Amino acid sequence: MSNIMYFIGLDIACNDFAASIYQSPEKPIITKEAILNNQDGFNMFVSWLKSNNINNANSIICMEATGVYSKAVTRYLVADAESISDFDTKQPLNLLENHPLF
């Protein structure tokens, strides 16, 4: 995990999702909203990540396990070799608190 520079959080809903890029406390959070929760939206999401110099080697993507709504994007990202980490929503900051950036 020492090469991780970006944490991407996804907020998944039925028809769309929002994504936020977090780097460090000194840098602003970058957010993209209303990404369609379908193939076109997933393609656009990955293009957006790449335009921000984010790839599977320097990032972790986290999302709440929302059942049916999160399955499609999870399958897409796993097939695209992105890092996925479903986490317990009762302790969403556990990963951040234990990372060397903080």
C-alpha atoms as a PDB file:
ATOM      1  CA  MET A   1       0.000   0.000   0.000  1.00  0.00           C
ATOM      2  CA  SER A   2       3.019   2.302   0.004  1.00  0.00           C
ATOM      3  CA  ASN A   3       2.414   3.428  -3.609  1.00  0.00           C
ATOM      4  CA  ILE A   4      -1.167   4.513  -2.938  1.00  0.00           C
ATOM      5  CA  MET A   5      -1.559   8.217  -3.642  1.00  0.00           C
ATOM      6  CA  TYR A   6      -5.308   8.467  -4.248  1.00  0.00           C
ATOM      7  CA  PHE A   7      -8.414   7.260  -2.468  1.00  0.00           C
ATOM      8  CA  ILE A   8     -11.549   7.262  -4.600  1.00  0.00           C
ATOM      9  CA  GLY A   9     -14.865   7.004  -2.803  1.00  0.00           C
ATOM     10  CA  LEU A  10     -18.014   6.057  -4.665  1.00  0.00           C
ATOM     11  CA  ASP A  11     -21.536   6.896  -3.530  1.00  0.00           C
ATOM     12  CA  ILE A  12     -23.736   4.476  -5.456  1.00  0.00           C
ATOM     13  CA  ALA A  13     -27.451   4.948  -6.163  1.00  0.00           C
ATOM     14  CA  CYS A  14     -29.896   3.152  -8.419  1.00  0.00           C
ATOM     15  CA  ASN A  15     -29.389   5.179 -11.606  1.00  0.00           C
ATOM     16  CA  ASP A  16     -26.090   6.976 -11.034  1.00  0.00           C
ATOM     17  CA  PHE A  17     -23.191   7.471  -8.669  1.00  0.00           C
ATOM     18  CA  ALA A  18     -20.782  10.133  -7.514  1.00  0.00           C
ATOM     19  CA  ALA A  19     -17.030   9.746  -7.216  1.00  0.00           C
ATOM     20  CA  SER A  20     -14.613  11.765  -5.106  1.00  0.00           C
ATOM     21  CA  ILE A  21     -10.823  11.738  -5.300  1.00  0.00           C
ATOM     22  CA  TYR A  22      -8.936  12.342  -2.065  1.00  0.00           C
ATOM     23  CA  GLN A  23      -5.159  12.845  -2.061  1.00  0.00           C
ATOM     24  CA  SER A  24      -4.131  14.551   1.170  1.00  0.00           C
ATOM     25  CA  PRO A  25      -5.426  17.144   3.650  1.00  0.00           C
ATOM     26  CA  GLU A  26      -3.591  19.909   1.754  1.00  0.00           C
ATOM     27  CA  LYS A  27      -5.211  19.160  -1.588  1.00  0.00           C
ATOM     28  CA  PRO A  28      -8.854  19.737  -2.509  1.00  0.00           C
ATOM     29  CA  ILE A  29     -11.213  16.814  -2.968  1.00  0.00           C
ATOM     30  CA  ILE A  30     -12.202  16.419  -6.621  1.00  0.00           C
ATOM     31  CA  THR A  31     -15.767  15.221  -7.159  1.00  0.00           C
ATOM     32  CA  LYS A  32     -17.721  14.125 -10.210  1.00  0.00           C
ATOM     33  CA  GLU A  33     -21.450  13.614  -9.799  1.00  0.00           C
ATOM     34  CA  ALA A  34     -24.230  12.006 -11.822  1.00  0.00           C
ATOM     35  CA  ILE A  35     -22.122   9.274 -13.417  1.00  0.00           C
ATOM     36  CA  LEU A  36     -24.550   6.844 -14.998  1.00  0.00           C
ATOM     37  CA  ASN A  37     -24.682   3.459 -13.293  1.00  0.00           C
ATOM     38  CA  ASN A  38     -24.274   1.579 -16.590  1.00  0.00           C
ATOM     39  CA  GLN A  39     -21.573   0.652 -19.117  1.00  0.00           C
ATOM     40  CA  ASP A  40     -21.392   4.158 -20.618  1.00  0.00           C
ATOM     41  CA  GLY A  41     -21.033   5.693 -17.170  1.00  0.00           C
ATOM     42  CA  PHE A  42     -18.366   3.179 -16.135  1.00  0.00           C
ATOM     43  CA  ASN A  43     -16.350   3.937 -19.272  1.00  0.00           C
ATOM     44  CA  MET A  44     -16.635   7.670 -18.588  1.00  0.00           C
ATOM     45  CA  PHE A  45     -15.625   7.132 -14.930  1.00  0.00           C
ATOM     46  CA  VAL A  46     -12.437   5.282 -15.906  1.00  0.00           C
ATOM     47  CA  SER A  47     -11.617   7.980 -18.479  1.00  0.00           C
ATOM     48  CA  TRP A  48     -12.115  10.629 -15.769  1.00  0.00           C
ATOM     49  CA  LEU A  49      -9.751   8.726 -13.444  1.00  0.00           C
ATOM     50  CA  LYS A  50      -7.129   8.469 -16.192  1.00  0.00           C
ATOM     51  CA  SER A  51      -7.449  12.203 -16.936  1.00  0.00           C
ATOM     52  CA  ASN A  52      -6.496  12.754 -13.280  1.00  0.00           C
ATOM     53  CA  ASN A  53      -3.464  10.416 -13.616  1.00  0.00           C
ATOM     54  CA  ILE A  54      -5.131   7.725 -11.529  1.00  0.00           C
ATOM     55  CA  ASN A  55      -4.600   4.037 -12.222  1.00  0.00           C
ATOM     56  CA  ASN A  56      -4.860   0.736 -10.374  1.00  0.00           C
ATOM     57  CA  ALA A  57      -1.265   0.974  -9.128  1.00  0.00           C
ATOM     58  CA  ASN A  58      -1.615   4.338  -7.357  1.00  0.00           C
ATOM     59  CA  SER A  59      -5.171   4.241  -6.053  1.00  0.00           C
ATOM     60  CA  ILE A  60      -7.783   2.432  -4.042  1.00  0.00           C
ATOM     61  CA  ILE A  61     -11.466   2.648  -4.886  1.00  0.00           C
ATOM     62  CA  CYS A  62     -13.845   2.249  -1.971  1.00  0.00           C
ATOM     63  CA  MET A  63     -17.616   2.051  -1.887  1.00  0.00           C
ATOM     64  CA  GLU A  64     -20.400   1.056   0.397  1.00  0.00           C
ATOM     65  CA  ALA A  65     -21.698  -2.382  -0.462  1.00  0.00           C
ATOM     66  CA  THR A  66     -25.182  -1.335  -1.609  1.00  0.00           C
ATOM     67  CA  GLY A  67     -26.163  -4.714  -2.977  1.00  0.00           C
ATOM     68  CA  VAL A  68     -27.683  -4.578  -6.432  1.00  0.00           C
ATOM     69  CA  TYR A  69     -26.684  -0.952  -7.077  1.00  0.00           C
ATOM     70  CA  SER A  70     -22.957  -1.479  -6.480  1.00  0.00           C
ATOM     71  CA  LYS A  71     -22.595  -4.879  -8.170  1.00  0.00           C
ATOM     72  CA  ALA A  72     -22.432  -3.624 -11.753  1.00  0.00           C
ATOM     73  CA  VAL A  73     -19.693  -1.043 -11.133  1.00  0.00           C
ATOM     74  CA  THR A  74     -17.794  -3.533  -8.951  1.00  0.00           C
ATOM     75  CA  ARG A  75     -17.849  -6.153 -11.713  1.00  0.00           C
ATOM     76  CA  TYR A  76     -16.759  -3.593 -14.287  1.00  0.00           C
ATOM     77  CA  LEU A  77     -13.847  -2.316 -12.205  1.00  0.00           C
ATOM     78  CA  VAL A  78     -12.658  -5.778 -11.206  1.00  0.00           C
ATOM     79  CA  ALA A  79     -12.701  -6.804 -14.871  1.00  0.00           C
ATOM     80  CA  ASP A  80     -10.762  -3.596 -15.625  1.00  0.00           C
ATOM     81  CA  ALA A  81      -8.213  -4.548 -12.914  1.00  0.00           C
ATOM     82  CA  GLU A  82      -8.966  -1.613 -10.617  1.00  0.00           C
ATOM     83  CA  SER A  83      -8.550  -2.015  -6.858  1.00  0.00           C
ATOM     84  CA  ILE A  84     -11.844  -2.433  -5.041  1.00  0.00           C
ATOM     85  CA  SER A  85     -12.275  -2.392  -1.311  1.00  0.00           C
ATOM     86  CA  ASP A  86     -15.766  -2.764   0.140  1.00  0.00           C
ATOM     87  CA  PHE A  87     -15.696  -1.568   3.702  1.00  0.00           C
ATOM     88  CA  ASP A  88     -17.887  -1.633   6.761  1.00  0.00           C
ATOM     89  CA  THR A  89     -19.855   1.608   6.767  1.00  0.00           C
ATOM     90  CA  LYS A  90     -19.744   1.671  10.573  1.00  0.00           C
ATOM     91  CA  GLN A  91     -16.008   2.403  10.339  1.00  0.00           C
ATOM     92  CA  PRO A  92     -15.506   4.139   6.977  1.00  0.00           C
ATOM     93  CA  LEU A  93     -12.423   6.056   8.094  1.00  0.00           C
ATOM     94  CA  ASN A  94     -10.542   3.004   9.348  1.00  0.00           C
ATOM     95  CA  LEU A  95      -8.541   2.701   6.110  1.00  0.00           C
ATOM     96  CA  LEU A  96      -7.656   6.395   6.087  1.00  0.00           C
ATOM     97  CA  GLU A  97      -6.684   6.512   9.755  1.00  0.00           C
ATOM     98  CA  ASN A  98      -4.245   3.638   9.286  1.00  0.00           C
ATOM     99  CA  HIS A  99      -2.649   4.850   6.067  1.00  0.00           C
ATOM    100  CA  PRO A 100       0.849   6.435   6.170  1.00  0.00           C
ATOM    101  CA  LEU A 101      -0.379   9.652   4.470  1.00  0.00           C
ATOM    102  CA  PHE A 102      -2.294  10.651   7.575  1.00  0.00           C
END
